[in-house]
């Protein structure tokens, strides 16, 4: 509804990147650059300083950004007020989720949400926990769902549910018959690890340290970017790993993996993360309420 040039400028200014803005707006980078240049021509001044592949706001750009921020807040307030009167829930939501949540929790949740609110369009971006938190910080997504604690105190973090982590091994492994193992024993076996920035990896290393171990003692033979890849490597006998119990239901039923409890139980929060915005789209409020209820029903 607002001037497209201003919307594009506002996105670039938030992220201080034409490339990231193009990705979040689903536009080409030349199209983003064109819109910003049009706005600069309208004001007859530069809004960004561009040096060595980095950009920063000029004084004029900072002033335009401050007004644009207020304008879009008013638009959101107006839209919410009208939709409250009409009862309509529609719009486009940018959602981000860390890998485990995107693959194993969100499909059913979003399917049920879309059945109830068919006029809401959801665009989902998947990354590890660090990546999703960064997207929330940059305002490139409306809502993030992550699987590790969030340290940024300027964001709103609401726990959805707790997730239990377990050791997974192939049925032929020497640990397969054990009821539980200390986490420090992982250092005695080849280990399949998630990539840096993954919530699974972060929680595992914190638990190892709390138990008196050292993550540097792990014999990491592979680093993989998704639970599916980790499970495949463990099934193939390449090593053992710690994963969310929620990710291995199928493998446990088929008998191709064995889950072993850790003597020092590891639980982590699945959390919603978003900016402290006074006014949010009605669709986002509905999604948050729906997701909280869904998590309570599926503990």
C-alpha atoms as a PDB file:
ATOM      1  CA  UNK A   1       0.000   0.000   0.000  1.00  0.00           C
ATOM      2  CA  UNK A   2       2.875   2.391   0.809  1.00  0.00           C
ATOM      3  CA  UNK A   3       5.146   3.806  -1.896  1.00  0.00           C
ATOM      4  CA  UNK A   4       7.122   0.844  -3.291  1.00  0.00           C
ATOM      5  CA  UNK A   5      10.285   2.937  -3.471  1.00  0.00           C
ATOM      6  CA  UNK A   6      10.008   3.700   0.232  1.00  0.00           C
ATOM      7  CA  UNK A   7       9.373   0.040   1.104  1.00  0.00           C
ATOM      8  CA  UNK A   8      12.463  -1.056  -0.800  1.00  0.00           C
ATOM      9  CA  UNK A   9      14.592   1.721   0.695  1.00  0.00           C
ATOM     10  CA  UNK A  10      13.371   0.840   4.196  1.00  0.00           C
ATOM     11  CA  UNK A  11      14.373  -2.811   3.715  1.00  0.00           C
ATOM     12  CA  UNK A  12      17.840  -1.910   2.398  1.00  0.00           C
ATOM     13  CA  UNK A  13      18.346   0.568   5.241  1.00  0.00           C
ATOM     14  CA  UNK A  14      17.375  -2.022   7.868  1.00  0.00           C
ATOM     15  CA  UNK A  15      19.745  -4.643   6.532  1.00  0.00           C
ATOM     16  CA  UNK A  16      22.420  -2.318   5.097  1.00  0.00           C
ATOM     17  CA  UNK A  17      22.701  -4.703   2.180  1.00  0.00           C
ATOM     18  CA  UNK A  18      21.209  -4.559  -1.310  1.00  0.00           C
ATOM     19  CA  UNK A  19      21.752  -8.313  -1.684  1.00  0.00           C
ATOM     20  CA  UNK A  20      19.957  -9.261   1.540  1.00  0.00           C
ATOM     21  CA  UNK A  21      17.159  -6.807   0.806  1.00  0.00           C
ATOM     22  CA  UNK A  22      16.668  -8.338  -2.648  1.00  0.00           C
ATOM     23  CA  UNK A  23      16.431 -11.813  -1.101  1.00  0.00           C
ATOM     24  CA  UNK A  24      13.882 -10.809   1.540  1.00  0.00           C
ATOM     25  CA  UNK A  25      11.789  -8.844  -0.991  1.00  0.00           C
ATOM     26  CA  UNK A  26      12.019 -11.599  -3.628  1.00  0.00           C
ATOM     27  CA  UNK A  27      13.397  -9.102  -6.130  1.00  0.00           C
ATOM     28  CA  UNK A  28      16.532  -8.989  -8.249  1.00  0.00           C
ATOM     29  CA  UNK A  29      19.354  -6.815  -6.950  1.00  0.00           C
ATOM     30  CA  UNK A  30      19.220  -4.487 -10.007  1.00  0.00           C
ATOM     31  CA  UNK A  31      15.501  -3.940  -9.341  1.00  0.00           C
ATOM     32  CA  UNK A  32      16.232  -3.005  -5.727  1.00  0.00           C
ATOM     33  CA  UNK A  33      18.997  -0.638  -6.819  1.00  0.00           C
ATOM     34  CA  UNK A  34      16.651   0.959  -9.364  1.00  0.00           C
ATOM     35  CA  UNK A  35      13.954   1.631  -6.749  1.00  0.00           C
ATOM     36  CA  UNK A  36      16.459   3.220  -4.363  1.00  0.00           C
ATOM     37  CA  UNK A  37      17.913   5.394  -7.130  1.00  0.00           C
ATOM     38  CA  UNK A  38      14.404   6.568  -8.022  1.00  0.00           C
ATOM     39  CA  UNK A  39      13.870   7.660  -4.424  1.00  0.00           C
ATOM     40  CA  UNK A  40      17.256   9.410  -4.407  1.00  0.00           C
ATOM     41  CA  UNK A  41      16.281  11.238  -7.602  1.00  0.00           C
ATOM     42  CA  UNK A  42      12.974  12.237  -6.018  1.00  0.00           C
ATOM     43  CA  UNK A  43      14.780  13.790  -3.034  1.00  0.00           C
ATOM     44  CA  UNK A  44      17.667  14.952  -5.229  1.00  0.00           C
ATOM     45  CA  UNK A  45      20.230  13.621  -2.760  1.00  0.00           C
ATOM     46  CA  UNK A  46      22.137  10.440  -1.932  1.00  0.00           C
ATOM     47  CA  UNK A  47      20.540   8.263   0.738  1.00  0.00           C
ATOM     48  CA  UNK A  48      23.414   5.770   0.996  1.00  0.00           C
ATOM     49  CA  UNK A  49      27.188   6.038   0.985  1.00  0.00           C
ATOM     50  CA  UNK A  50      28.663   3.139  -0.982  1.00  0.00           C
ATOM     51  CA  UNK A  51      32.316   2.264  -0.311  1.00  0.00           C
ATOM     52  CA  UNK A  52      34.243  -1.017  -0.701  1.00  0.00           C
ATOM     53  CA  UNK A  53      31.134  -3.214  -1.022  1.00  0.00           C
ATOM     54  CA  UNK A  54      29.677  -1.689   2.157  1.00  0.00           C
ATOM     55  CA  UNK A  55      26.874   0.800   2.488  1.00  0.00           C
ATOM     56  CA  UNK A  56      25.825   3.225   5.210  1.00  0.00           C
ATOM     57  CA  UNK A  57      23.073   5.785   5.521  1.00  0.00           C
ATOM     58  CA  UNK A  58      23.829   9.420   4.766  1.00  0.00           C
ATOM     59  CA  UNK A  59      22.358  12.064   7.063  1.00  0.00           C
ATOM     60  CA  UNK A  60      19.469  12.435   4.600  1.00  0.00           C
ATOM     61  CA  UNK A  61      19.089   8.662   4.415  1.00  0.00           C
ATOM     62  CA  UNK A  62      18.911   8.413   8.202  1.00  0.00           C
ATOM     63  CA  UNK A  63      16.182  11.060   8.279  1.00  0.00           C
ATOM     64  CA  UNK A  64      14.172   9.293   5.545  1.00  0.00           C
ATOM     65  CA  UNK A  65      14.596   5.971   7.367  1.00  0.00           C
ATOM     66  CA  UNK A  66      13.249   7.399  10.639  1.00  0.00           C
ATOM     67  CA  UNK A  67      10.167   8.771   8.900  1.00  0.00           C
ATOM     68  CA  UNK A  68       9.682   5.557   6.904  1.00  0.00           C
ATOM     69  CA  UNK A  69       9.782   3.571  10.137  1.00  0.00           C
ATOM     70  CA  UNK A  70       7.007   5.729  11.587  1.00  0.00           C
ATOM     71  CA  UNK A  71       4.985   5.535   8.366  1.00  0.00           C
ATOM     72  CA  UNK A  72       5.068   1.723   8.272  1.00  0.00           C
ATOM     73  CA  UNK A  73       4.187   1.502  11.957  1.00  0.00           C
ATOM     74  CA  UNK A  74       1.146   3.675  11.266  1.00  0.00           C
ATOM     75  CA  UNK A  75       0.200   1.500   8.284  1.00  0.00           C
ATOM     76  CA  UNK A  76       0.370  -1.606  10.497  1.00  0.00           C
ATOM     77  CA  UNK A  77      -1.712   0.133  13.185  1.00  0.00           C
ATOM     78  CA  UNK A  78      -4.303   1.205  10.605  1.00  0.00           C
ATOM     79  CA  UNK A  79      -4.483  -2.266   9.053  1.00  0.00           C
ATOM     80  CA  UNK A  80      -4.918  -3.921  12.445  1.00  0.00           C
ATOM     81  CA  UNK A  81      -7.668  -1.465  13.405  1.00  0.00           C
ATOM     82  CA  UNK A  82      -9.631  -2.110  10.215  1.00  0.00           C
ATOM     83  CA  UNK A  83      -9.169  -5.887  10.361  1.00  0.00           C
ATOM     84  CA  UNK A  84     -10.303  -5.877  13.995  1.00  0.00           C
ATOM     85  CA  UNK A  85     -13.571  -4.338  12.792  1.00  0.00           C
ATOM     86  CA  UNK A  86     -14.027  -6.677   9.834  1.00  0.00           C
ATOM     87  CA  UNK A  87     -12.629  -9.823  11.474  1.00  0.00           C
ATOM     88  CA  UNK A  88     -10.504 -10.492   8.386  1.00  0.00           C
ATOM     89  CA  UNK A  89      -7.182 -12.302   8.791  1.00  0.00           C
ATOM     90  CA  UNK A  90      -5.021 -12.084   5.679  1.00  0.00           C
ATOM     91  CA  UNK A  91      -1.651 -10.911   4.442  1.00  0.00           C
ATOM     92  CA  UNK A  92       1.854 -12.222   3.876  1.00  0.00           C
ATOM     93  CA  UNK A  93       4.020 -13.412   6.778  1.00  0.00           C
ATOM     94  CA  UNK A  94       7.762 -13.947   6.556  1.00  0.00           C
ATOM     95  CA  UNK A  95       8.619 -16.860   8.837  1.00  0.00           C
ATOM     96  CA  UNK A  96      12.045 -18.319   9.589  1.00  0.00           C
ATOM     97  CA  UNK A  97      12.851 -21.586  11.323  1.00  0.00           C
ATOM     98  CA  UNK A  98      15.949 -23.498  12.281  1.00  0.00           C
ATOM     99  CA  UNK A  99      16.457 -26.758  10.434  1.00  0.00           C
ATOM    100  CA  UNK A 100      15.118 -29.263  12.968  1.00  0.00           C
ATOM    101  CA  UNK A 101      11.947 -27.256  13.588  1.00  0.00           C
ATOM    102  CA  UNK A 102      11.346 -26.575   9.882  1.00  0.00           C
ATOM    103  CA  UNK A 103      11.629 -30.254   8.994  1.00  0.00           C
ATOM    104  CA  UNK A 104       9.800 -31.898  11.888  1.00  0.00           C
ATOM    105  CA  UNK A 105       7.484 -29.457  13.675  1.00  0.00           C
ATOM    106  CA  UNK A 106       6.334 -26.748  11.289  1.00  0.00           C
ATOM    107  CA  UNK A 107       4.788 -28.738   8.400  1.00  0.00           C
ATOM    108  CA  UNK A 108       1.867 -30.004  10.498  1.00  0.00           C
ATOM    109  CA  UNK A 109       1.521 -26.723  12.442  1.00  0.00           C
ATOM    110  CA  UNK A 110       1.440 -24.551   9.310  1.00  0.00           C
ATOM    111  CA  UNK A 111      -0.878 -26.974   7.558  1.00  0.00           C
ATOM    112  CA  UNK A 112      -3.415 -26.677  10.377  1.00  0.00           C
ATOM    113  CA  UNK A 113      -2.970 -22.884  10.475  1.00  0.00           C
ATOM    114  CA  UNK A 114      -3.569 -22.535   6.717  1.00  0.00           C
ATOM    115  CA  UNK A 115      -6.708 -24.669   7.010  1.00  0.00           C
ATOM    116  CA  UNK A 116      -8.071 -22.192   9.561  1.00  0.00           C
ATOM    117  CA  UNK A 117      -6.742 -19.003   7.916  1.00  0.00           C
ATOM    118  CA  UNK A 118      -6.554 -19.694   4.160  1.00  0.00           C
ATOM    119  CA  UNK A 119      -6.111 -16.008   3.260  1.00  0.00           C
ATOM    120  CA  UNK A 120      -2.726 -15.798   5.017  1.00  0.00           C
ATOM    121  CA  UNK A 121       0.306 -16.499   2.824  1.00  0.00           C
ATOM    122  CA  UNK A 122       3.416 -17.758   4.594  1.00  0.00           C
ATOM    123  CA  UNK A 123       6.933 -17.594   3.185  1.00  0.00           C
ATOM    124  CA  UNK A 124       9.356 -19.790   5.093  1.00  0.00           C
ATOM    125  CA  UNK A 125      13.116 -19.407   5.225  1.00  0.00           C
ATOM    126  CA  UNK A 126      15.234 -22.189   6.736  1.00  0.00           C
ATOM    127  CA  UNK A 127      18.653 -21.691   8.332  1.00  0.00           C
ATOM    128  CA  UNK A 128      20.461 -22.672  11.508  1.00  0.00           C
ATOM    129  CA  UNK A 129      19.618 -20.921  14.779  1.00  0.00           C
ATOM    130  CA  UNK A 130      22.254 -18.178  14.391  1.00  0.00           C
ATOM    131  CA  UNK A 131      20.999 -17.421  10.895  1.00  0.00           C
ATOM    132  CA  UNK A 132      17.355 -17.160  11.971  1.00  0.00           C
ATOM    133  CA  UNK A 133      18.171 -14.865  14.914  1.00  0.00           C
ATOM    134  CA  UNK A 134      20.164 -12.656  12.542  1.00  0.00           C
ATOM    135  CA  UNK A 135      17.165 -12.462  10.177  1.00  0.00           C
ATOM    136  CA  UNK A 136      14.916 -11.378  13.068  1.00  0.00           C
ATOM    137  CA  UNK A 137      17.483  -8.773  14.159  1.00  0.00           C
ATOM    138  CA  UNK A 138      17.616  -7.400  10.602  1.00  0.00           C
ATOM    139  CA  UNK A 139      13.805  -7.415  10.283  1.00  0.00           C
ATOM    140  CA  UNK A 140      14.010  -9.588   7.180  1.00  0.00           C
ATOM    141  CA  UNK A 141      11.480 -11.993   8.737  1.00  0.00           C
ATOM    142  CA  UNK A 142       8.480 -11.319  10.972  1.00  0.00           C
ATOM    143  CA  UNK A 143       8.889 -14.321  13.254  1.00  0.00           C
ATOM    144  CA  UNK A 144      11.617 -16.864  13.941  1.00  0.00           C
ATOM    145  CA  UNK A 145      11.328 -20.289  15.549  1.00  0.00           C
ATOM    146  CA  UNK A 146      14.627 -21.573  16.932  1.00  0.00           C
ATOM    147  CA  UNK A 147      15.997 -24.492  18.898  1.00  0.00           C
ATOM    148  CA  UNK A 148      18.572 -22.909  21.202  1.00  0.00           C
ATOM    149  CA  UNK A 149      18.659 -20.089  23.784  1.00  0.00           C
ATOM    150  CA  UNK A 150      18.781 -16.552  22.336  1.00  0.00           C
ATOM    151  CA  UNK A 151      21.149 -14.071  23.963  1.00  0.00           C
ATOM    152  CA  UNK A 152      19.910 -10.844  22.321  1.00  0.00           C
ATOM    153  CA  UNK A 153      17.982  -9.055  25.083  1.00  0.00           C
ATOM    154  CA  UNK A 154      16.414  -6.664  22.573  1.00  0.00           C
ATOM    155  CA  UNK A 155      14.313  -9.462  21.065  1.00  0.00           C
ATOM    156  CA  UNK A 156      11.175 -11.055  22.467  1.00  0.00           C
ATOM    157  CA  UNK A 157      11.772 -14.772  23.117  1.00  0.00           C
ATOM    158  CA  UNK A 158       8.826 -16.998  24.071  1.00  0.00           C
ATOM    159  CA  UNK A 159       9.323 -20.696  24.778  1.00  0.00           C
ATOM    160  CA  UNK A 160       7.036 -22.903  22.715  1.00  0.00           C
ATOM    161  CA  UNK A 161       7.945 -26.332  24.105  1.00  0.00           C
ATOM    162  CA  UNK A 162      10.899 -28.261  25.495  1.00  0.00           C
ATOM    163  CA  UNK A 163      12.786 -30.724  23.326  1.00  0.00           C
ATOM    164  CA  UNK A 164      14.680 -33.765  24.594  1.00  0.00           C
ATOM    165  CA  UNK A 165      18.051 -34.660  23.102  1.00  0.00           C
ATOM    166  CA  UNK A 166      19.264 -38.264  22.915  1.00  0.00           C
ATOM    167  CA  UNK A 167      22.304 -40.164  21.737  1.00  0.00           C
ATOM    168  CA  UNK A 168      21.686 -42.036  18.474  1.00  0.00           C
ATOM    169  CA  UNK A 169      23.726 -45.033  17.343  1.00  0.00           C
ATOM    170  CA  UNK A 170      23.248 -47.846  14.796  1.00  0.00           C
ATOM    171  CA  UNK A 171      21.822 -51.108  16.220  1.00  0.00           C
ATOM    172  CA  UNK A 172      25.187 -52.868  15.807  1.00  0.00           C
ATOM    173  CA  UNK A 173      27.104 -50.288  17.857  1.00  0.00           C
ATOM    174  CA  UNK A 174      28.709 -51.344  21.148  1.00  0.00           C
ATOM    175  CA  UNK A 175      26.662 -48.721  23.029  1.00  0.00           C
ATOM    176  CA  UNK A 176      23.336 -49.863  21.571  1.00  0.00           C
ATOM    177  CA  UNK A 177      22.475 -52.107  24.534  1.00  0.00           C
ATOM    178  CA  UNK A 178      23.175 -49.437  27.149  1.00  0.00           C
ATOM    179  CA  UNK A 179      20.244 -47.736  28.892  1.00  0.00           C
ATOM    180  CA  UNK A 180      22.198 -44.524  29.397  1.00  0.00           C
ATOM    181  CA  UNK A 181      25.689 -43.122  28.916  1.00  0.00           C
ATOM    182  CA  UNK A 182      27.559 -40.092  30.296  1.00  0.00           C
ATOM    183  CA  UNK A 183      27.983 -37.397  27.703  1.00  0.00           C
ATOM    184  CA  UNK A 184      31.768 -37.403  28.198  1.00  0.00           C
ATOM    185  CA  UNK A 185      31.836 -40.954  26.788  1.00  0.00           C
ATOM    186  CA  UNK A 186      31.096 -39.499  23.363  1.00  0.00           C
ATOM    187  CA  UNK A 187      34.775 -38.566  23.172  1.00  0.00           C
ATOM    188  CA  UNK A 188      35.657 -42.264  22.876  1.00  0.00           C
ATOM    189  CA  UNK A 189      33.802 -42.758  19.582  1.00  0.00           C
ATOM    190  CA  UNK A 190      33.755 -41.134  16.118  1.00  0.00           C
ATOM    191  CA  UNK A 191      31.200 -38.308  16.289  1.00  0.00           C
ATOM    192  CA  UNK A 192      28.929 -36.873  13.581  1.00  0.00           C
ATOM    193  CA  UNK A 193      28.371 -33.184  14.351  1.00  0.00           C
ATOM    194  CA  UNK A 194      26.042 -30.476  13.097  1.00  0.00           C
ATOM    195  CA  UNK A 195      27.598 -27.374  11.549  1.00  0.00           C
ATOM    196  CA  UNK A 196      28.718 -24.313  13.511  1.00  0.00           C
ATOM    197  CA  UNK A 197      25.778 -22.046  14.350  1.00  0.00           C
ATOM    198  CA  UNK A 198      23.438 -25.019  14.768  1.00  0.00           C
ATOM    199  CA  UNK A 199      21.337 -25.065  17.946  1.00  0.00           C
ATOM    200  CA  UNK A 200      21.874 -28.824  18.236  1.00  0.00           C
ATOM    201  CA  UNK A 201      25.633 -28.377  18.232  1.00  0.00           C
ATOM    202  CA  UNK A 202      25.562 -25.449  20.670  1.00  0.00           C
ATOM    203  CA  UNK A 203      23.402 -27.288  23.213  1.00  0.00           C
ATOM    204  CA  UNK A 204      25.536 -30.445  22.974  1.00  0.00           C
ATOM    205  CA  UNK A 205      28.781 -28.540  23.580  1.00  0.00           C
ATOM    206  CA  UNK A 206      27.280 -26.649  26.536  1.00  0.00           C
ATOM    207  CA  UNK A 207      26.159 -29.950  28.099  1.00  0.00           C
ATOM    208  CA  UNK A 208      29.586 -31.459  27.502  1.00  0.00           C
ATOM    209  CA  UNK A 209      31.251 -28.519  29.255  1.00  0.00           C
ATOM    210  CA  UNK A 210      28.778 -28.645  32.176  1.00  0.00           C
ATOM    211  CA  UNK A 211      29.651 -32.331  32.683  1.00  0.00           C
ATOM    212  CA  UNK A 212      33.347 -31.529  32.936  1.00  0.00           C
ATOM    213  CA  UNK A 213      34.213 -32.531  29.393  1.00  0.00           C
ATOM    214  CA  UNK A 214      35.703 -30.555  26.551  1.00  0.00           C
ATOM    215  CA  UNK A 215      34.220 -30.322  23.082  1.00  0.00           C
ATOM    216  CA  UNK A 216      37.695 -30.172  21.597  1.00  0.00           C
ATOM    217  CA  UNK A 217      38.208 -33.780  22.743  1.00  0.00           C
ATOM    218  CA  UNK A 218      35.441 -35.023  20.441  1.00  0.00           C
ATOM    219  CA  UNK A 219      36.599 -37.120  17.487  1.00  0.00           C
ATOM    220  CA  UNK A 220      34.508 -35.244  14.921  1.00  0.00           C
ATOM    221  CA  UNK A 221      34.666 -37.206  11.685  1.00  0.00           C
ATOM    222  CA  UNK A 222      31.950 -35.283   9.825  1.00  0.00           C
ATOM    223  CA  UNK A 223      30.088 -31.966  10.091  1.00  0.00           C
ATOM    224  CA  UNK A 224      26.697 -32.023   8.374  1.00  0.00           C
ATOM    225  CA  UNK A 225      24.030 -29.385   7.801  1.00  0.00           C
ATOM    226  CA  UNK A 226      20.782 -31.189   8.603  1.00  0.00           C
ATOM    227  CA  UNK A 227      19.328 -33.873  10.896  1.00  0.00           C
ATOM    228  CA  UNK A 228      18.545 -36.049   7.866  1.00  0.00           C
ATOM    229  CA  UNK A 229      22.190 -36.034   6.792  1.00  0.00           C
ATOM    230  CA  UNK A 230      23.343 -36.808  10.335  1.00  0.00           C
ATOM    231  CA  UNK A 231      20.907 -39.710  10.646  1.00  0.00           C
ATOM    232  CA  UNK A 232      22.079 -41.141   7.324  1.00  0.00           C
ATOM    233  CA  UNK A 233      25.713 -41.004   8.412  1.00  0.00           C
ATOM    234  CA  UNK A 234      24.944 -42.675  11.753  1.00  0.00           C
ATOM    235  CA  UNK A 235      22.902 -45.392  10.035  1.00  0.00           C
ATOM    236  CA  UNK A 236      25.864 -46.021   7.728  1.00  0.00           C
ATOM    237  CA  UNK A 237      28.083 -46.640  10.759  1.00  0.00           C
ATOM    238  CA  UNK A 238      30.269 -43.562  10.303  1.00  0.00           C
ATOM    239  CA  UNK A 239      29.835 -42.407  13.892  1.00  0.00           C
ATOM    240  CA  UNK A 240      27.374 -41.531  16.641  1.00  0.00           C
ATOM    241  CA  UNK A 241      25.533 -38.286  17.326  1.00  0.00           C
ATOM    242  CA  UNK A 242      23.150 -36.377  19.587  1.00  0.00           C
ATOM    243  CA  UNK A 243      19.835 -35.417  18.008  1.00  0.00           C
ATOM    244  CA  UNK A 244      16.353 -34.307  18.986  1.00  0.00           C
ATOM    245  CA  UNK A 245      14.120 -37.250  19.844  1.00  0.00           C
ATOM    246  CA  UNK A 246      11.466 -35.594  17.685  1.00  0.00           C
ATOM    247  CA  UNK A 247      13.580 -36.218  14.573  1.00  0.00           C
ATOM    248  CA  UNK A 248      14.026 -39.992  14.897  1.00  0.00           C
ATOM    249  CA  UNK A 249      10.527 -41.478  15.301  1.00  0.00           C
ATOM    250  CA  UNK A 250      10.576 -43.129  11.870  1.00  0.00           C
ATOM    251  CA  UNK A 251      14.074 -44.594  12.322  1.00  0.00           C
ATOM    252  CA  UNK A 252      13.233 -45.990  15.754  1.00  0.00           C
ATOM    253  CA  UNK A 253      10.119 -47.723  14.354  1.00  0.00           C
ATOM    254  CA  UNK A 254      12.128 -49.171  11.475  1.00  0.00           C
ATOM    255  CA  UNK A 255      14.867 -50.303  13.844  1.00  0.00           C
ATOM    256  CA  UNK A 256      17.685 -48.641  11.881  1.00  0.00           C
ATOM    257  CA  UNK A 257      18.687 -46.374  14.783  1.00  0.00           C
ATOM    258  CA  UNK A 258      18.796 -46.804  18.554  1.00  0.00           C
ATOM    259  CA  UNK A 259      18.146 -43.920  20.992  1.00  0.00           C
ATOM    260  CA  UNK A 260      20.064 -43.909  24.272  1.00  0.00           C
ATOM    261  CA  UNK A 261      19.363 -41.552  27.163  1.00  0.00           C
ATOM    262  CA  UNK A 262      22.170 -39.385  28.458  1.00  0.00           C
ATOM    263  CA  UNK A 263      23.016 -39.588  32.161  1.00  0.00           C
ATOM    264  CA  UNK A 264      22.960 -35.785  32.199  1.00  0.00           C
ATOM    265  CA  UNK A 265      19.600 -35.161  30.448  1.00  0.00           C
ATOM    266  CA  UNK A 266      19.687 -32.448  27.796  1.00  0.00           C
ATOM    267  CA  UNK A 267      16.585 -30.393  27.168  1.00  0.00           C
ATOM    268  CA  UNK A 268      16.426 -27.294  25.035  1.00  0.00           C
ATOM    269  CA  UNK A 269      13.656 -24.816  24.283  1.00  0.00           C
ATOM    270  CA  UNK A 270      11.911 -24.456  20.953  1.00  0.00           C
ATOM    271  CA  UNK A 271      11.240 -20.699  21.012  1.00  0.00           C
ATOM    272  CA  UNK A 272       9.474 -17.972  19.065  1.00  0.00           C
ATOM    273  CA  UNK A 273      11.668 -14.926  18.442  1.00  0.00           C
ATOM    274  CA  UNK A 274      10.478 -11.550  17.185  1.00  0.00           C
ATOM    275  CA  UNK A 275      11.096  -7.838  17.443  1.00  0.00           C
ATOM    276  CA  UNK A 276       9.561  -5.715  20.211  1.00  0.00           C
ATOM    277  CA  UNK A 277       7.139  -4.028  17.862  1.00  0.00           C
ATOM    278  CA  UNK A 278       4.204  -2.159  19.338  1.00  0.00           C
ATOM    279  CA  UNK A 279       2.010  -2.903  16.321  1.00  0.00           C
ATOM    280  CA  UNK A 280       2.105  -6.173  14.398  1.00  0.00           C
ATOM    281  CA  UNK A 281      -0.012  -7.491  11.583  1.00  0.00           C
ATOM    282  CA  UNK A 282      -3.173  -9.186  12.772  1.00  0.00           C
ATOM    283  CA  UNK A 283      -2.083 -12.291  10.840  1.00  0.00           C
ATOM    284  CA  UNK A 284       1.120 -12.505  12.867  1.00  0.00           C
ATOM    285  CA  UNK A 285      -0.788 -12.183  16.132  1.00  0.00           C
ATOM    286  CA  UNK A 286      -3.063 -15.027  15.014  1.00  0.00           C
ATOM    287  CA  UNK A 287      -0.097 -17.186  14.012  1.00  0.00           C
ATOM    288  CA  UNK A 288       1.616 -16.623  17.361  1.00  0.00           C
ATOM    289  CA  UNK A 289      -1.552 -17.478  19.302  1.00  0.00           C
ATOM    290  CA  UNK A 290      -2.224 -20.511  17.121  1.00  0.00           C
ATOM    291  CA  UNK A 291       1.361 -21.789  17.429  1.00  0.00           C
ATOM    292  CA  UNK A 292       1.362 -21.418  21.225  1.00  0.00           C
ATOM    293  CA  UNK A 293      -1.851 -23.409  21.453  1.00  0.00           C
ATOM    294  CA  UNK A 294      -0.532 -26.021  19.045  1.00  0.00           C
ATOM    295  CA  UNK A 295       2.643 -26.493  21.096  1.00  0.00           C
ATOM    296  CA  UNK A 296       0.644 -26.974  24.298  1.00  0.00           C
ATOM    297  CA  UNK A 297      -1.467 -29.656  22.616  1.00  0.00           C
ATOM    298  CA  UNK A 298       1.567 -31.476  21.172  1.00  0.00           C
ATOM    299  CA  UNK A 299       3.970 -31.514  24.116  1.00  0.00           C
END
